[in-house]
C-alpha cells in the first residue's frame, strides 16, 4: 500500500447552502446549515485514504469541543492521527462556507490552531510521498518540504509567495486557474510537474511549459464543489506514485474531483477508489 504523509490544516466547516451567493453587502435568506469536517490537509488525507493509500496526517487542533468532530471521519476510516496534536492555547480551525444551488462556493477561514503550527511542531516521518497545502504558516510548509526525502506534492492553495527553493523541490504542483495566474509564467519554469485545474473543463498536466496530458471529468450533476480540489490533489498524487501514465493519472484525478462535487460537504463527499474506477470504466 502506498504511504502518504499529509501535513496541513484541520477545520470544522459550517456550510450554508442557498439558491444563490450574496453580492457584497447583500443578505441571502432561506439557506440550510450543515456541519462537516474539513480543512485542506484533513480533506486530502481522507481522500487519499479512501482511494487506497496508507495515510499519516500531521496537524494541530484546539483543546475544544470542535476538535473531535473535526477529526471524526479521519479516525473512523483509519488515517493515522498519532501526530495530530492538540494546541492548548488556540481554537480548532473553522471554515464558513456559502454554497449556491449550482455548487459554486465562497469560503472564509478562521485558522485557529492551524496558524499556530510552527516549524518546531514538525515531525516528518519516512514516507513515500508528502502532500502540503498553504493553509499553514508558509515557513512551516517550507520547512516540511525541505525535510522531505520522497515525492513532494505542493497544492498552492490559497495562493501565497513561497521561497523559490521550496517550489523547485516539488515533484508535483497543483493549482487552479486563479492560483496559476497568481504565480504567472514562472510556474512553468520549475523542474517538476504542474497540474492546472479548469473546473468543469478538466485539467492539464505540464512540465517545462509543455503540456503532457489533458483530461476532462465525467459528466456529473454538481451540487457542492467544496472538497473537489482536494480529491483531485490526493488522486493525482496517488495515481502518479502508482506509476500510471500521465493521461491516465489525470483522468483518475478528474473523476475523483467530479464525484466529490456531487455530494454536499468536503469530507463526506470524497469518493472511494471503487467509485472512481467505476466512473472511468466506460472510457476504457
C-alpha atoms as a PDB file:
ATOM      1  CA  UNK A   1       0.000   0.000   0.000  1.00  0.00           C
ATOM      2  CA  UNK A   2       1.339   3.439  -0.948  1.00  0.00           C
ATOM      3  CA  UNK A   3       2.307   5.501   2.124  1.00  0.00           C
ATOM      4  CA  UNK A   4       1.478   9.217   2.074  1.00  0.00           C
ATOM      5  CA  UNK A   5       2.079  11.819   4.759  1.00  0.00           C
ATOM      6  CA  UNK A   6      -0.129  14.904   4.686  1.00  0.00           C
ATOM      7  CA  UNK A   7       0.946  17.999   6.603  1.00  0.00           C
ATOM      8  CA  UNK A   8      -1.858  20.505   6.678  1.00  0.00           C
ATOM      9  CA  UNK A   9      -4.931  22.112   8.138  1.00  0.00           C
ATOM     10  CA  UNK A  10      -7.854  20.677  10.080  1.00  0.00           C
ATOM     11  CA  UNK A  11     -11.106  22.641  10.256  1.00  0.00           C
ATOM     12  CA  UNK A  12     -14.739  22.183  11.077  1.00  0.00           C
ATOM     13  CA  UNK A  13     -16.831  23.507   8.193  1.00  0.00           C
ATOM     14  CA  UNK A  14     -20.108  25.344   8.729  1.00  0.00           C
ATOM     15  CA  UNK A  15     -21.859  25.152   5.350  1.00  0.00           C
ATOM     16  CA  UNK A  16     -24.819  27.339   4.409  1.00  0.00           C
ATOM     17  CA  UNK A  17     -26.490  26.270   1.167  1.00  0.00           C
ATOM     18  CA  UNK A  18     -28.745  28.776  -0.589  1.00  0.00           C
ATOM     19  CA  UNK A  19     -30.245  29.389  -4.000  1.00  0.00           C
ATOM     20  CA  UNK A  20     -27.559  31.982  -4.784  1.00  0.00           C
ATOM     21  CA  UNK A  21     -24.453  33.513  -3.245  1.00  0.00           C
ATOM     22  CA  UNK A  22     -24.703  37.024  -1.789  1.00  0.00           C
ATOM     23  CA  UNK A  23     -23.221  40.013  -3.560  1.00  0.00           C
ATOM     24  CA  UNK A  24     -21.152  42.407  -1.394  1.00  0.00           C
ATOM     25  CA  UNK A  25     -23.483  43.954   1.195  1.00  0.00           C
ATOM     26  CA  UNK A  26     -26.363  41.618   0.287  1.00  0.00           C
ATOM     27  CA  UNK A  27     -28.165  39.247   2.677  1.00  0.00           C
ATOM     28  CA  UNK A  28     -29.450  35.942   1.301  1.00  0.00           C
ATOM     29  CA  UNK A  29     -32.033  34.104   3.387  1.00  0.00           C
ATOM     30  CA  UNK A  30     -33.664  30.693   3.218  1.00  0.00           C
ATOM     31  CA  UNK A  31     -30.389  28.792   3.489  1.00  0.00           C
ATOM     32  CA  UNK A  32     -29.879  25.389   5.141  1.00  0.00           C
ATOM     33  CA  UNK A  33     -26.969  24.861   7.543  1.00  0.00           C
ATOM     34  CA  UNK A  34     -24.752  21.785   7.960  1.00  0.00           C
ATOM     35  CA  UNK A  35     -21.514  20.991   9.817  1.00  0.00           C
ATOM     36  CA  UNK A  36     -18.813  18.861   8.211  1.00  0.00           C
ATOM     37  CA  UNK A  37     -15.171  18.038   8.999  1.00  0.00           C
ATOM     38  CA  UNK A  38     -12.867  19.946   6.663  1.00  0.00           C
ATOM     39  CA  UNK A  39      -9.565  21.734   6.177  1.00  0.00           C
ATOM     40  CA  UNK A  40      -7.475  21.114   3.081  1.00  0.00           C
ATOM     41  CA  UNK A  41      -4.959  18.952   4.923  1.00  0.00           C
ATOM     42  CA  UNK A  42      -7.610  16.773   6.523  1.00  0.00           C
ATOM     43  CA  UNK A  43      -9.600  16.587   3.286  1.00  0.00           C
ATOM     44  CA  UNK A  44      -6.607  15.452   1.266  1.00  0.00           C
ATOM     45  CA  UNK A  45      -5.629  12.924   3.929  1.00  0.00           C
ATOM     46  CA  UNK A  46      -9.086  11.346   3.935  1.00  0.00           C
ATOM     47  CA  UNK A  47      -9.293  11.482   0.135  1.00  0.00           C
ATOM     48  CA  UNK A  48      -6.010   9.595  -0.187  1.00  0.00           C
ATOM     49  CA  UNK A  49      -7.153   7.061   2.403  1.00  0.00           C
ATOM     50  CA  UNK A  50     -10.449   6.391   0.616  1.00  0.00           C
ATOM     51  CA  UNK A  51      -8.545   5.982  -2.633  1.00  0.00           C
ATOM     52  CA  UNK A  52      -6.397   3.249  -1.108  1.00  0.00           C
ATOM     53  CA  UNK A  53      -3.310   4.876   0.442  1.00  0.00           C
ATOM     54  CA  UNK A  54      -1.841   4.356   3.911  1.00  0.00           C
ATOM     55  CA  UNK A  55      -2.083   7.915   5.278  1.00  0.00           C
ATOM     56  CA  UNK A  56      -0.492   9.787   8.171  1.00  0.00           C
ATOM     57  CA  UNK A  57      -1.792  13.281   8.997  1.00  0.00           C
ATOM     58  CA  UNK A  58       0.457  15.763  10.799  1.00  0.00           C
ATOM     59  CA  UNK A  59      -1.686  18.650  12.031  1.00  0.00           C
ATOM     60  CA  UNK A  60      -2.897  20.650  15.037  1.00  0.00           C
ATOM     61  CA  UNK A  61      -6.334  21.172  16.565  1.00  0.00           C
ATOM     62  CA  UNK A  62      -7.563  23.150  19.554  1.00  0.00           C
ATOM     63  CA  UNK A  63      -8.410  21.874  23.011  1.00  0.00           C
ATOM     64  CA  UNK A  64     -12.121  22.388  22.436  1.00  0.00           C
ATOM     65  CA  UNK A  65     -15.346  20.593  21.593  1.00  0.00           C
ATOM     66  CA  UNK A  66     -14.874  21.103  17.847  1.00  0.00           C
ATOM     67  CA  UNK A  67     -11.680  19.023  17.638  1.00  0.00           C
ATOM     68  CA  UNK A  68     -13.277  15.577  17.986  1.00  0.00           C
ATOM     69  CA  UNK A  69     -15.931  16.458  15.426  1.00  0.00           C
ATOM     70  CA  UNK A  70     -13.305  17.770  13.007  1.00  0.00           C
ATOM     71  CA  UNK A  71     -11.281  14.535  13.280  1.00  0.00           C
ATOM     72  CA  UNK A  72     -14.171  12.061  13.448  1.00  0.00           C
ATOM     73  CA  UNK A  73     -14.173  10.790   9.852  1.00  0.00           C
ATOM     74  CA  UNK A  74     -10.382  10.583   9.704  1.00  0.00           C
ATOM     75  CA  UNK A  75     -10.300   8.456  12.852  1.00  0.00           C
ATOM     76  CA  UNK A  76     -13.182   6.264  11.706  1.00  0.00           C
ATOM     77  CA  UNK A  77     -11.555   5.479   8.360  1.00  0.00           C
ATOM     78  CA  UNK A  78      -8.070   4.653   9.566  1.00  0.00           C
ATOM     79  CA  UNK A  79      -5.989   7.770   8.938  1.00  0.00           C
ATOM     80  CA  UNK A  80      -3.033   7.753  11.352  1.00  0.00           C
ATOM     81  CA  UNK A  81      -3.589  10.667  13.743  1.00  0.00           C
ATOM     82  CA  UNK A  82      -0.728   9.963  16.158  1.00  0.00           C
ATOM     83  CA  UNK A  83       0.946  13.212  15.070  1.00  0.00           C
ATOM     84  CA  UNK A  84      -2.190  15.329  15.099  1.00  0.00           C
ATOM     85  CA  UNK A  85      -1.503  17.347  18.236  1.00  0.00           C
ATOM     86  CA  UNK A  86      -3.673  19.493  20.496  1.00  0.00           C
ATOM     87  CA  UNK A  87      -2.831  23.173  20.993  1.00  0.00           C
ATOM     88  CA  UNK A  88      -3.984  24.251  24.450  1.00  0.00           C
ATOM     89  CA  UNK A  89      -3.887  27.942  23.571  1.00  0.00           C
ATOM     90  CA  UNK A  90      -5.699  28.009  20.205  1.00  0.00           C
ATOM     91  CA  UNK A  91      -9.116  27.045  18.876  1.00  0.00           C
ATOM     92  CA  UNK A  92      -9.757  24.374  16.278  1.00  0.00           C
ATOM     93  CA  UNK A  93      -9.878  25.937  12.812  1.00  0.00           C
ATOM     94  CA  UNK A  94     -13.280  26.851  11.411  1.00  0.00           C
ATOM     95  CA  UNK A  95     -14.408  27.495   7.828  1.00  0.00           C
ATOM     96  CA  UNK A  96     -17.572  29.419   6.989  1.00  0.00           C
ATOM     97  CA  UNK A  97     -18.772  28.235   3.575  1.00  0.00           C
ATOM     98  CA  UNK A  98     -21.605  29.575   1.449  1.00  0.00           C
ATOM     99  CA  UNK A  99     -22.747  27.263  -1.350  1.00  0.00           C
ATOM    100  CA  UNK A 100     -25.068  28.148  -4.244  1.00  0.00           C
ATOM    101  CA  UNK A 101     -27.517  25.708  -5.797  1.00  0.00           C
ATOM    102  CA  UNK A 102     -25.167  25.028  -8.712  1.00  0.00           C
ATOM    103  CA  UNK A 103     -22.226  24.144  -6.461  1.00  0.00           C
ATOM    104  CA  UNK A 104     -20.285  27.434  -6.567  1.00  0.00           C
ATOM    105  CA  UNK A 105     -18.952  28.441  -3.161  1.00  0.00           C
ATOM    106  CA  UNK A 106     -17.418  31.227  -1.096  1.00  0.00           C
ATOM    107  CA  UNK A 107     -15.193  30.391   1.890  1.00  0.00           C
ATOM    108  CA  UNK A 108     -13.886  32.328   4.893  1.00  0.00           C
ATOM    109  CA  UNK A 109     -11.450  30.516   7.188  1.00  0.00           C
ATOM    110  CA  UNK A 110     -10.609  31.266  10.827  1.00  0.00           C
ATOM    111  CA  UNK A 111      -7.433  29.152  11.066  1.00  0.00           C
ATOM    112  CA  UNK A 112      -7.061  28.872  14.839  1.00  0.00           C
ATOM    113  CA  UNK A 113      -4.574  26.109  15.717  1.00  0.00           C
ATOM    114  CA  UNK A 114      -3.539  25.809  12.070  1.00  0.00           C
ATOM    115  CA  UNK A 115      -1.978  29.282  12.235  1.00  0.00           C
ATOM    116  CA  UNK A 116      -0.074  28.273  15.368  1.00  0.00           C
ATOM    117  CA  UNK A 117       1.554  25.287  13.616  1.00  0.00           C
ATOM    118  CA  UNK A 118       5.204  26.402  13.570  1.00  0.00           C
ATOM    119  CA  UNK A 119       8.219  24.572  12.108  1.00  0.00           C
ATOM    120  CA  UNK A 120       9.084  23.487  15.652  1.00  0.00           C
ATOM    121  CA  UNK A 121       5.966  21.311  15.683  1.00  0.00           C
ATOM    122  CA  UNK A 122       7.053  19.314  12.630  1.00  0.00           C
ATOM    123  CA  UNK A 123       7.904  15.673  12.940  1.00  0.00           C
ATOM    124  CA  UNK A 124       8.152  14.306   9.432  1.00  0.00           C
ATOM    125  CA  UNK A 125       8.391  10.511   9.298  1.00  0.00           C
ATOM    126  CA  UNK A 126       9.844   8.445   6.491  1.00  0.00           C
ATOM    127  CA  UNK A 127       7.274   8.330   3.718  1.00  0.00           C
ATOM    128  CA  UNK A 128       6.892   7.644   0.032  1.00  0.00           C
ATOM    129  CA  UNK A 129       5.192  10.966  -0.515  1.00  0.00           C
ATOM    130  CA  UNK A 130       4.387  14.243   1.192  1.00  0.00           C
ATOM    131  CA  UNK A 131       1.374  16.422   0.399  1.00  0.00           C
ATOM    132  CA  UNK A 132       1.265  20.025   1.645  1.00  0.00           C
ATOM    133  CA  UNK A 133      -1.102  22.939   1.067  1.00  0.00           C
ATOM    134  CA  UNK A 134      -0.831  26.596   2.112  1.00  0.00           C
ATOM    135  CA  UNK A 135      -3.353  26.784   4.964  1.00  0.00           C
ATOM    136  CA  UNK A 136      -0.460  26.568   7.445  1.00  0.00           C
ATOM    137  CA  UNK A 137       2.197  29.230   8.053  1.00  0.00           C
ATOM    138  CA  UNK A 138       4.380  29.390   4.951  1.00  0.00           C
ATOM    139  CA  UNK A 139       7.579  28.885   6.940  1.00  0.00           C
ATOM    140  CA  UNK A 140       6.155  25.596   8.206  1.00  0.00           C
ATOM    141  CA  UNK A 141       5.357  24.439   4.686  1.00  0.00           C
ATOM    142  CA  UNK A 142       8.839  25.414   3.515  1.00  0.00           C
ATOM    143  CA  UNK A 143      10.445  23.516   6.409  1.00  0.00           C
ATOM    144  CA  UNK A 144       8.328  20.416   5.762  1.00  0.00           C
ATOM    145  CA  UNK A 145       9.252  20.378   2.076  1.00  0.00           C
ATOM    146  CA  UNK A 146      12.943  20.893   2.894  1.00  0.00           C
ATOM    147  CA  UNK A 147      12.872  17.885   5.236  1.00  0.00           C
ATOM    148  CA  UNK A 148      11.088  15.602   2.785  1.00  0.00           C
ATOM    149  CA  UNK A 149      13.030  12.709   1.304  1.00  0.00           C
ATOM    150  CA  UNK A 150      10.435  11.311  -1.094  1.00  0.00           C
ATOM    151  CA  UNK A 151       7.900  12.553  -3.628  1.00  0.00           C
ATOM    152  CA  UNK A 152       6.542  16.033  -2.787  1.00  0.00           C
ATOM    153  CA  UNK A 153       3.177  17.407  -3.905  1.00  0.00           C
ATOM    154  CA  UNK A 154       2.505  21.086  -3.237  1.00  0.00           C
ATOM    155  CA  UNK A 155      -1.071  22.274  -3.595  1.00  0.00           C
ATOM    156  CA  UNK A 156      -0.583  26.039  -3.835  1.00  0.00           C
ATOM    157  CA  UNK A 157      -3.919  26.910  -2.238  1.00  0.00           C
ATOM    158  CA  UNK A 158      -4.613  29.513  -1.141  1.00  0.00           C
ATOM    159  CA  UNK A 159      -2.030  31.195  -3.372  1.00  0.00           C
ATOM    160  CA  UNK A 160       0.827  32.866  -1.497  1.00  0.00           C
ATOM    161  CA  UNK A 161       4.513  33.572  -2.177  1.00  0.00           C
ATOM    162  CA  UNK A 162       6.890  30.738  -1.340  1.00  0.00           C
ATOM    163  CA  UNK A 163      10.703  30.578  -1.470  1.00  0.00           C
ATOM    164  CA  UNK A 164      11.966  29.559  -4.925  1.00  0.00           C
ATOM    165  CA  UNK A 165      13.753  26.547  -3.451  1.00  0.00           C
ATOM    166  CA  UNK A 166      10.503  25.276  -1.960  1.00  0.00           C
ATOM    167  CA  UNK A 167       8.704  25.469  -5.289  1.00  0.00           C
ATOM    168  CA  UNK A 168      11.656  23.891  -7.091  1.00  0.00           C
ATOM    169  CA  UNK A 169      11.720  20.933  -4.679  1.00  0.00           C
ATOM    170  CA  UNK A 170       8.156  19.897  -5.526  1.00  0.00           C
ATOM    171  CA  UNK A 171       7.762  16.904  -7.827  1.00  0.00           C
ATOM    172  CA  UNK A 172       4.141  17.937  -8.418  1.00  0.00           C
ATOM    173  CA  UNK A 173       2.467  21.326  -8.058  1.00  0.00           C
ATOM    174  CA  UNK A 174      -1.328  21.600  -8.264  1.00  0.00           C
ATOM    175  CA  UNK A 175      -3.105  24.913  -8.890  1.00  0.00           C
ATOM    176  CA  UNK A 176      -6.450  26.104 -10.171  1.00  0.00           C
ATOM    177  CA  UNK A 177      -6.764  28.853 -12.773  1.00  0.00           C
ATOM    178  CA  UNK A 178      -6.786  31.667 -10.204  1.00  0.00           C
ATOM    179  CA  UNK A 179      -3.726  30.299  -8.421  1.00  0.00           C
ATOM    180  CA  UNK A 180      -1.926  29.745 -11.724  1.00  0.00           C
ATOM    181  CA  UNK A 181      -2.494  33.420 -12.593  1.00  0.00           C
ATOM    182  CA  UNK A 182      -1.076  34.467  -9.199  1.00  0.00           C
ATOM    183  CA  UNK A 183       2.217  32.658  -9.828  1.00  0.00           C
ATOM    184  CA  UNK A 184       2.356  33.513 -13.508  1.00  0.00           C
ATOM    185  CA  UNK A 185       4.626  32.034 -16.186  1.00  0.00           C
ATOM    186  CA  UNK A 186       7.380  31.331 -13.632  1.00  0.00           C
ATOM    187  CA  UNK A 187       5.339  28.321 -12.528  1.00  0.00           C
ATOM    188  CA  UNK A 188       6.226  26.597 -15.787  1.00  0.00           C
ATOM    189  CA  UNK A 189       9.939  27.256 -15.342  1.00  0.00           C
ATOM    190  CA  UNK A 190      10.035  24.858 -12.384  1.00  0.00           C
ATOM    191  CA  UNK A 191      11.504  21.367 -12.865  1.00  0.00           C
ATOM    192  CA  UNK A 192       8.532  19.367 -11.561  1.00  0.00           C
ATOM    193  CA  UNK A 193       5.126  18.538 -12.947  1.00  0.00           C
ATOM    194  CA  UNK A 194       2.474  21.264 -12.817  1.00  0.00           C
ATOM    195  CA  UNK A 195      -1.215  20.345 -12.847  1.00  0.00           C
ATOM    196  CA  UNK A 196      -3.693  23.135 -13.612  1.00  0.00           C
ATOM    197  CA  UNK A 197      -7.375  22.507 -12.962  1.00  0.00           C
ATOM    198  CA  UNK A 198     -10.023  24.216 -15.095  1.00  0.00           C
ATOM    199  CA  UNK A 199     -13.190  23.350 -13.167  1.00  0.00           C
ATOM    200  CA  UNK A 200     -15.797  21.575 -15.277  1.00  0.00           C
ATOM    201  CA  UNK A 201     -13.430  21.721 -18.268  1.00  0.00           C
ATOM    202  CA  UNK A 202     -10.990  19.308 -16.628  1.00  0.00           C
ATOM    203  CA  UNK A 203      -7.262  19.730 -16.114  1.00  0.00           C
ATOM    204  CA  UNK A 204      -3.895  19.782 -17.820  1.00  0.00           C
ATOM    205  CA  UNK A 205      -0.519  18.411 -16.782  1.00  0.00           C
ATOM    206  CA  UNK A 206       2.590  20.348 -17.779  1.00  0.00           C
ATOM    207  CA  UNK A 207       6.341  20.188 -17.413  1.00  0.00           C
ATOM    208  CA  UNK A 208       8.705  22.909 -18.515  1.00  0.00           C
ATOM    209  CA  UNK A 209       5.790  24.718 -20.148  1.00  0.00           C
ATOM    210  CA  UNK A 210       4.935  21.731 -22.342  1.00  0.00           C
ATOM    211  CA  UNK A 211       1.552  20.077 -21.951  1.00  0.00           C
ATOM    212  CA  UNK A 212       1.997  16.379 -21.255  1.00  0.00           C
ATOM    213  CA  UNK A 213      -1.646  15.423 -20.854  1.00  0.00           C
ATOM    214  CA  UNK A 214      -5.184  16.752 -20.612  1.00  0.00           C
ATOM    215  CA  UNK A 215      -8.322  15.155 -19.221  1.00  0.00           C
ATOM    216  CA  UNK A 216     -11.982  16.033 -18.820  1.00  0.00           C
ATOM    217  CA  UNK A 217     -14.126  14.932 -15.883  1.00  0.00           C
ATOM    218  CA  UNK A 218     -17.027  12.528 -16.370  1.00  0.00           C
ATOM    219  CA  UNK A 219     -20.419  14.268 -16.651  1.00  0.00           C
ATOM    220  CA  UNK A 220     -21.943  14.770 -13.201  1.00  0.00           C
ATOM    221  CA  UNK A 221     -24.608  16.896 -11.559  1.00  0.00           C
ATOM    222  CA  UNK A 222     -22.551  19.193  -9.319  1.00  0.00           C
ATOM    223  CA  UNK A 223     -24.173  20.371  -6.101  1.00  0.00           C
ATOM    224  CA  UNK A 224     -21.180  21.419  -3.951  1.00  0.00           C
ATOM    225  CA  UNK A 225     -17.611  21.943  -5.170  1.00  0.00           C
ATOM    226  CA  UNK A 226     -16.193  22.005  -1.618  1.00  0.00           C
ATOM    227  CA  UNK A 227     -13.524  19.296  -1.390  1.00  0.00           C
ATOM    228  CA  UNK A 228     -13.408  18.591  -5.123  1.00  0.00           C
ATOM    229  CA  UNK A 229      -9.967  20.159  -5.496  1.00  0.00           C
ATOM    230  CA  UNK A 230      -8.686  18.192  -2.513  1.00  0.00           C
ATOM    231  CA  UNK A 231      -9.943  14.937  -4.026  1.00  0.00           C
ATOM    232  CA  UNK A 232      -8.118  15.852  -7.242  1.00  0.00           C
ATOM    233  CA  UNK A 233      -4.833  16.519  -5.401  1.00  0.00           C
ATOM    234  CA  UNK A 234      -4.913  13.233  -3.496  1.00  0.00           C
ATOM    235  CA  UNK A 235      -5.966  11.211  -6.528  1.00  0.00           C
ATOM    236  CA  UNK A 236      -3.315  12.642  -8.841  1.00  0.00           C
ATOM    237  CA  UNK A 237      -0.561  12.146  -6.266  1.00  0.00           C
ATOM    238  CA  UNK A 238      -1.592   8.550  -5.645  1.00  0.00           C
ATOM    239  CA  UNK A 239      -2.008   7.740  -9.336  1.00  0.00           C
ATOM    240  CA  UNK A 240       1.461   9.062 -10.174  1.00  0.00           C
ATOM    241  CA  UNK A 241       3.013   7.159  -7.263  1.00  0.00           C
ATOM    242  CA  UNK A 242       1.344   4.002  -8.549  1.00  0.00           C
ATOM    243  CA  UNK A 243       3.051   4.543 -11.890  1.00  0.00           C
ATOM    244  CA  UNK A 244       0.012   5.373 -14.006  1.00  0.00           C
ATOM    245  CA  UNK A 245       0.796   7.164 -17.282  1.00  0.00           C
ATOM    246  CA  UNK A 246       0.244  10.909 -17.181  1.00  0.00           C
ATOM    247  CA  UNK A 247      -3.033  10.897 -19.091  1.00  0.00           C
ATOM    248  CA  UNK A 248      -4.485   8.033 -17.053  1.00  0.00           C
ATOM    249  CA  UNK A 249      -3.383   9.633 -13.784  1.00  0.00           C
ATOM    250  CA  UNK A 250      -5.015  12.927 -14.770  1.00  0.00           C
ATOM    251  CA  UNK A 251      -8.238  11.181 -15.783  1.00  0.00           C
ATOM    252  CA  UNK A 252      -8.332   9.381 -12.425  1.00  0.00           C
ATOM    253  CA  UNK A 253      -7.876  12.694 -10.608  1.00  0.00           C
ATOM    254  CA  UNK A 254     -10.538  14.485 -12.682  1.00  0.00           C
ATOM    255  CA  UNK A 255     -13.022  11.698 -11.972  1.00  0.00           C
ATOM    256  CA  UNK A 256     -12.307  11.881  -8.233  1.00  0.00           C
ATOM    257  CA  UNK A 257     -12.813  15.644  -8.211  1.00  0.00           C
ATOM    258  CA  UNK A 258     -16.020  15.426 -10.217  1.00  0.00           C
ATOM    259  CA  UNK A 259     -17.523  12.795  -7.936  1.00  0.00           C
ATOM    260  CA  UNK A 260     -16.702  14.895  -4.870  1.00  0.00           C
ATOM    261  CA  UNK A 261     -18.797  17.706  -6.337  1.00  0.00           C
ATOM    262  CA  UNK A 262     -21.905  15.513  -6.484  1.00  0.00           C
ATOM    263  CA  UNK A 263     -22.392  15.358  -2.704  1.00  0.00           C
ATOM    264  CA  UNK A 264     -22.572  18.060  -0.022  1.00  0.00           C
ATOM    265  CA  UNK A 265     -19.711  18.829   2.334  1.00  0.00           C
ATOM    266  CA  UNK A 266     -15.974  18.391   1.993  1.00  0.00           C
ATOM    267  CA  UNK A 267     -15.056  15.110   3.650  1.00  0.00           C
ATOM    268  CA  UNK A 268     -18.461  13.396   3.356  1.00  0.00           C
ATOM    269  CA  UNK A 269     -18.306  13.925  -0.412  1.00  0.00           C
ATOM    270  CA  UNK A 270     -14.910  12.328  -1.019  1.00  0.00           C
ATOM    271  CA  UNK A 271     -15.195   9.239  -3.246  1.00  0.00           C
ATOM    272  CA  UNK A 272     -13.777   5.778  -2.739  1.00  0.00           C
ATOM    273  CA  UNK A 273     -11.406   4.127  -5.159  1.00  0.00           C
ATOM    274  CA  UNK A 274     -14.159   1.773  -6.336  1.00  0.00           C
ATOM    275  CA  UNK A 275     -16.435   4.718  -7.140  1.00  0.00           C
ATOM    276  CA  UNK A 276     -13.750   6.450  -9.172  1.00  0.00           C
ATOM    277  CA  UNK A 277     -12.771   3.323 -11.073  1.00  0.00           C
ATOM    278  CA  UNK A 278     -16.425   2.648 -11.846  1.00  0.00           C
ATOM    279  CA  UNK A 279     -16.819   6.068 -13.456  1.00  0.00           C
ATOM    280  CA  UNK A 280     -13.692   5.503 -15.538  1.00  0.00           C
ATOM    281  CA  UNK A 281     -14.734   2.046 -16.724  1.00  0.00           C
ATOM    282  CA  UNK A 282     -16.876   3.162 -19.730  1.00  0.00           C
ATOM    283  CA  UNK A 283     -13.920   5.134 -21.087  1.00  0.00           C
ATOM    284  CA  UNK A 284     -11.694   2.055 -21.243  1.00  0.00           C
END
